[in-house]
């Protein structure tokens, strides 16, 4: 469980990123954090894994205040995949990148190698082990950065804009992988602007604006709330826009439709009733 109590954080000489944020994320949840650029999303998840420490307030991991934990200790529980893989990768081969973190956590060379190859295979990177990450495309580098964290099997996995640079096939693969990890008990937290990705795969959404949480709840309710959409400078899901168009002719259509399956059900019912 991650419990954050009234945290404040200011980048000196730049701006105040967090203005008293409180949130609890329970073990096994899948949570998306959305909002405009500068809302405080990335700063918030960096507090979850100890890269940043609150200037006021507290962050707890399983009731332990992270102010009394080292970054390495926190990293055993919370893995973070950065938005830019170039901020995370530094070795001259994909295999070395993935093995590095495992060895630092105390895994033997043999076990680290096995975990590395298994993870690369799951992400469709099995043929890239000997390649330099810096010869790969942006999307491929992003998957290497993800592999370096996934291989350690963190209890909490936080990802910053994981779908940027990924095609539809890779986004589906990512969603299946995150769902698989979540089913196994891993807590998944994603910072993203990809609203369609959120709608399909995340039951809970947190909306941020100006360093504050302005909405927190079930995704279908939050992303169909016009006030929160406007306050967070978000785009409504395409399914919600389609439902709104249908509602003009068919008032019985709910204004809280966000998933494709719910929209399909409504259309089938309407067609059947004509």
Protein backbone atom coordinates (compact mmCIF):
# COMPACT_ATOMS: atom_id res chain seq x y z
CA UNK A 1 0.00 0.00 0.00
CA UNK A 2 1.15 3.55 -0.79
CA UNK A 3 -0.18 6.28 1.44
CA UNK A 4 0.67 9.91 0.70
CA UNK A 5 -0.28 12.58 3.20
CA UNK A 6 -0.36 16.29 2.37
CA UNK A 7 2.90 16.40 0.40
CA UNK A 8 4.31 19.63 -0.97
CA UNK A 9 7.18 20.01 -3.41
CA UNK A 10 8.69 23.03 -5.14
CA UNK A 11 11.36 23.04 -7.84
CA UNK A 12 13.53 25.91 -6.64
CA UNK A 13 13.32 28.86 -9.00
CA UNK A 14 10.92 27.03 -11.33
CA UNK A 15 7.46 26.31 -9.95
CA UNK A 16 5.51 24.62 -7.17
CA UNK A 17 4.72 21.12 -8.43
CA UNK A 18 2.69 19.69 -5.52
CA UNK A 19 0.46 21.75 -3.24
CA UNK A 20 -0.74 19.41 -0.51
CA UNK A 21 -1.47 16.11 -2.27
CA UNK A 22 -2.97 13.18 -0.37
CA UNK A 23 -3.78 9.81 -1.91
CA UNK A 24 -3.90 6.14 -0.96
CA UNK A 25 -3.26 3.34 -3.44
CA UNK A 26 -3.96 -0.14 -2.13
CA UNK A 27 -2.10 -3.31 -3.03
CA UNK A 28 -3.28 -4.79 -6.32
CA UNK A 29 -4.90 -1.64 -7.68
CA UNK A 30 -4.53 -0.36 -11.26
CA UNK A 31 -4.52 3.43 -11.24
CA UNK A 32 -4.07 6.01 -13.99
CA UNK A 33 -2.93 9.55 -13.21
CA UNK A 34 -3.98 12.11 -15.83
CA UNK A 35 -3.81 15.86 -16.31
CA UNK A 36 -2.18 18.57 -18.36
CA UNK A 37 1.59 19.12 -18.57
CA UNK A 38 2.88 20.66 -15.33
CA UNK A 39 -0.01 19.29 -13.27
CA UNK A 40 2.39 17.43 -10.94
CA UNK A 41 1.85 13.87 -12.18
CA UNK A 42 5.49 12.87 -12.70
CA UNK A 43 6.58 14.65 -9.53
CA UNK A 44 4.00 12.63 -7.62
CA UNK A 45 5.20 9.22 -8.87
CA UNK A 46 8.83 10.19 -8.25
CA UNK A 47 7.84 10.61 -4.60
CA UNK A 48 6.44 7.07 -4.65
CA UNK A 49 9.83 5.52 -5.45
CA UNK A 50 11.99 7.91 -3.44
CA UNK A 51 13.66 9.82 -6.27
CA UNK A 52 12.10 12.93 -4.72
CA UNK A 53 11.33 13.51 -1.06
CA UNK A 54 8.49 15.73 0.16
CA UNK A 55 9.44 19.14 1.51
CA UNK A 56 6.32 18.87 3.65
CA UNK A 57 4.11 15.87 4.33
CA UNK A 58 4.78 12.13 4.33
CA UNK A 59 4.95 9.13 2.00
CA UNK A 60 4.35 5.69 3.49
CA UNK A 61 5.07 2.27 1.99
CA UNK A 62 3.31 -0.43 4.00
CA UNK A 63 3.16 1.95 6.99
CA UNK A 64 6.88 2.82 6.77
CA UNK A 65 7.70 6.50 6.28
CA UNK A 66 10.03 6.71 3.28
CA UNK A 67 12.03 9.48 4.97
CA UNK A 68 13.58 6.62 6.98
CA UNK A 69 14.27 4.46 3.89
CA UNK A 70 17.07 4.64 1.30
CA UNK A 71 16.32 4.97 -2.42
CA UNK A 72 17.72 1.46 -2.94
CA UNK A 73 15.41 0.08 -0.24
CA UNK A 74 12.37 1.76 -1.80
CA UNK A 75 13.40 0.52 -5.27
CA UNK A 76 12.98 -3.08 -4.08
CA UNK A 77 9.27 -2.32 -3.70
CA UNK A 78 8.52 0.43 -6.23
CA UNK A 79 9.89 0.30 -9.78
CA UNK A 80 9.65 3.39 -11.97
CA UNK A 81 9.92 3.50 -15.76
CA UNK A 82 10.75 7.04 -16.91
CA UNK A 83 8.98 8.84 -19.74
CA UNK A 84 12.27 9.20 -21.62
CA UNK A 85 14.25 5.94 -21.81
CA UNK A 86 17.42 7.99 -22.41
CA UNK A 87 17.21 9.09 -18.76
CA UNK A 88 17.31 5.43 -17.70
CA UNK A 89 19.66 3.64 -20.11
CA UNK A 90 23.46 3.93 -19.96
CA UNK A 91 25.12 0.58 -20.75
CA UNK A 92 26.31 -0.72 -24.13
CA UNK A 93 23.95 -3.69 -24.54
CA UNK A 94 20.31 -4.46 -23.85
CA UNK A 95 21.24 -7.53 -21.80
CA UNK A 96 23.62 -5.53 -19.60
CA UNK A 97 20.90 -2.94 -18.96
CA UNK A 98 18.47 -5.54 -17.68
CA UNK A 99 21.03 -7.57 -15.72
CA UNK A 100 22.48 -4.46 -14.02
CA UNK A 101 19.47 -3.82 -11.76
CA UNK A 102 19.08 -7.50 -10.92
CA UNK A 103 22.70 -7.84 -9.83
CA UNK A 104 22.39 -4.71 -7.69
CA UNK A 105 19.44 -6.33 -5.93
CA UNK A 106 21.55 -9.39 -5.09
CA UNK A 107 20.54 -11.90 -7.77
CA UNK A 108 23.20 -14.37 -8.88
CA UNK A 109 24.66 -14.03 -12.37
CA UNK A 110 22.78 -17.13 -13.53
CA UNK A 111 19.42 -16.04 -12.12
CA UNK A 112 19.88 -12.50 -13.45
CA UNK A 113 20.58 -13.87 -16.92
CA UNK A 114 17.51 -16.13 -16.81
CA UNK A 115 15.25 -13.30 -15.64
CA UNK A 116 16.72 -11.02 -18.31
CA UNK A 117 16.03 -13.43 -21.17
CA UNK A 118 12.51 -14.23 -19.91
CA UNK A 119 11.64 -10.53 -19.66
CA UNK A 120 13.07 -9.67 -23.08
CA UNK A 121 11.01 -12.50 -24.57
CA UNK A 122 7.81 -11.22 -22.94
CA UNK A 123 8.41 -7.78 -24.46
CA UNK A 124 9.32 -9.02 -27.93
CA UNK A 125 12.97 -8.05 -27.48
CA UNK A 126 14.56 -11.51 -27.52
CA UNK A 127 16.67 -10.70 -30.60
CA UNK A 128 18.04 -7.47 -29.12
CA UNK A 129 20.11 -8.78 -26.19
CA UNK A 130 23.49 -7.94 -27.73
CA UNK A 131 22.41 -4.69 -29.36
CA UNK A 132 23.29 -1.29 -27.95
CA UNK A 133 20.11 0.42 -26.68
CA UNK A 134 21.27 3.59 -28.43
CA UNK A 135 20.97 1.97 -31.87
CA UNK A 136 17.29 1.16 -31.29
CA UNK A 137 14.20 3.20 -32.11
CA UNK A 138 12.55 5.33 -29.43
CA UNK A 139 9.78 2.77 -28.92
CA UNK A 140 12.28 -0.08 -28.64
CA UNK A 141 14.40 1.83 -26.12
CA UNK A 142 11.28 2.44 -24.10
CA UNK A 143 10.64 -1.31 -23.97
CA UNK A 144 14.24 -1.93 -22.88
CA UNK A 145 13.78 0.53 -20.00
CA UNK A 146 10.55 -1.25 -19.10
CA UNK A 147 12.32 -4.63 -19.22
CA UNK A 148 15.02 -3.42 -16.83
CA UNK A 149 12.33 -2.68 -14.24
CA UNK A 150 9.97 -5.60 -14.94
CA UNK A 151 12.77 -8.12 -14.50
CA UNK A 152 13.07 -7.15 -10.82
CA UNK A 153 9.36 -7.98 -10.25
CA UNK A 154 8.54 -4.93 -8.09
CA UNK A 155 5.49 -4.97 -5.82
CA UNK A 156 4.51 -1.60 -7.29
CA UNK A 157 5.18 -0.65 -10.91
CA UNK A 158 4.92 3.02 -11.89
CA UNK A 159 5.20 4.04 -15.55
CA UNK A 160 5.45 7.55 -16.95
CA UNK A 161 3.80 7.88 -20.39
CA UNK A 162 4.43 4.22 -21.36
CA UNK A 163 2.45 4.31 -24.63
CA UNK A 164 4.42 7.15 -26.27
CA UNK A 165 6.25 5.77 -29.30
CA UNK A 166 4.38 2.44 -29.20
CA UNK A 167 2.25 1.22 -32.10
CA UNK A 168 -1.15 -0.41 -31.60
CA UNK A 169 0.35 -3.91 -31.39
CA UNK A 170 2.87 -2.89 -28.74
CA UNK A 171 0.24 -1.00 -26.75
CA UNK A 172 -1.89 -4.13 -26.67
CA UNK A 173 1.11 -6.20 -25.60
CA UNK A 174 1.88 -3.67 -22.86
CA UNK A 175 -1.71 -3.71 -21.61
CA UNK A 176 -1.74 -7.52 -21.50
CA UNK A 177 1.57 -7.56 -19.64
CA UNK A 178 0.39 -5.01 -17.07
CA UNK A 179 -2.88 -6.92 -16.60
CA UNK A 180 -0.92 -10.14 -16.10
CA UNK A 181 1.31 -8.50 -13.47
CA UNK A 182 -1.70 -6.94 -11.79
CA UNK A 183 -3.49 -10.30 -11.65
CA UNK A 184 -0.40 -11.66 -9.88
CA UNK A 185 -0.74 -8.96 -7.20
CA UNK A 186 1.44 -6.14 -8.56
CA UNK A 187 0.10 -2.62 -8.06
CA UNK A 188 0.24 -0.66 -11.33
CA UNK A 189 0.32 3.15 -11.50
CA UNK A 190 0.49 4.89 -14.88
CA UNK A 191 0.98 8.56 -15.72
CA UNK A 192 -0.44 9.15 -19.17
CA UNK A 193 -2.16 11.47 -21.65
CA UNK A 194 -3.49 8.44 -23.53
CA UNK A 195 -7.13 8.60 -22.45
CA UNK A 196 -8.24 5.67 -24.62
CA UNK A 197 -5.58 3.48 -22.94
CA UNK A 198 -6.89 4.57 -19.54
CA UNK A 199 -10.51 3.85 -20.43
CA UNK A 200 -9.82 0.31 -21.58
CA UNK A 201 -7.42 -0.86 -18.88
CA UNK A 202 -7.63 1.20 -15.66
CA UNK A 203 -10.59 0.97 -13.25
CA UNK A 204 -9.47 3.99 -11.19
CA UNK A 205 -8.34 7.38 -12.46
CA UNK A 206 -6.82 10.32 -10.60
CA UNK A 207 -6.99 13.74 -12.29
CA UNK A 208 -4.48 16.48 -11.42
CA UNK A 209 -4.26 20.19 -12.15
CA UNK A 210 -1.93 22.84 -10.77
CA UNK A 211 -0.26 20.53 -8.28
CA UNK A 212 -3.54 19.32 -6.80
CA UNK A 213 -5.76 16.26 -7.16
CA UNK A 214 -9.03 17.55 -8.62
CA UNK A 215 -10.71 14.20 -9.16
CA UNK A 216 -10.29 10.60 -7.98
CA UNK A 217 -12.65 7.73 -8.62
CA UNK A 218 -13.97 5.15 -11.03
CA UNK A 219 -12.68 5.84 -14.52
CA UNK A 220 -16.11 5.72 -16.16
CA UNK A 221 -17.44 8.37 -13.79
CA UNK A 222 -14.42 10.64 -13.73
CA UNK A 223 -13.81 10.74 -17.49
CA UNK A 224 -17.45 11.49 -18.21
CA UNK A 225 -17.47 14.39 -15.74
CA UNK A 226 -17.32 17.56 -17.84
CA UNK A 227 -16.16 19.75 -14.94
CA UNK A 228 -13.15 17.53 -14.23
CA UNK A 229 -12.39 17.15 -17.95
CA UNK A 230 -12.29 20.95 -18.30
CA UNK A 231 -10.37 21.56 -15.07
CA UNK A 232 -7.71 19.00 -16.02
CA UNK A 233 -7.53 20.12 -19.68
CA UNK A 234 -8.31 16.57 -20.83
CA UNK A 235 -10.00 15.28 -23.95
CA UNK A 236 -13.10 13.21 -23.36
CA UNK A 237 -12.84 9.58 -24.53
CA UNK A 238 -14.09 8.97 -28.07
CA UNK A 239 -16.71 6.59 -26.69
CA UNK A 240 -18.08 9.33 -24.42
CA UNK A 241 -18.24 11.77 -27.32
CA UNK A 242 -20.05 9.14 -29.42
CA UNK A 243 -22.50 8.49 -26.58
CA UNK A 244 -23.14 12.24 -26.26
CA UNK A 245 -23.96 12.41 -29.97
CA UNK A 246 -26.36 9.47 -29.64
CA UNK A 247 -27.97 11.07 -26.57
CA UNK A 248 -29.17 14.02 -28.69
CA UNK A 249 -31.50 11.65 -30.54
CA UNK A 250 -31.91 8.99 -27.87
CA UNK A 251 -32.22 10.65 -24.40
CA UNK A 252 -32.09 7.25 -22.69
CA UNK A 253 -28.40 6.86 -23.59
CA UNK A 254 -26.25 7.36 -20.49
CA UNK A 255 -23.77 10.24 -20.41
CA UNK A 256 -21.33 8.06 -18.46
CA UNK A 257 -20.33 5.64 -21.21
CA UNK A 258 -16.55 5.32 -21.60
CA UNK A 259 -15.81 1.74 -22.67
CA UNK A 260 -16.14 0.37 -26.20
CA UNK A 261 -18.09 -2.66 -24.93
CA UNK A 262 -20.69 -0.44 -23.22
CA UNK A 263 -21.07 1.67 -26.36
CA UNK A 264 -21.49 -1.47 -28.50
CA UNK A 265 -24.20 -2.72 -26.14
CA UNK A 266 -26.10 0.57 -26.38
CA UNK A 267 -25.90 0.65 -30.19
CA UNK A 268 -27.10 -2.96 -30.49
CA UNK A 269 -30.02 -2.20 -28.17
CA UNK A 270 -30.95 0.92 -30.10
CA UNK A 271 -30.75 -0.81 -33.47
CA UNK A 272 -32.78 -3.70 -32.15
CA UNK A 273 -35.42 -1.32 -30.91
CA UNK A 274 -35.83 0.60 -34.18
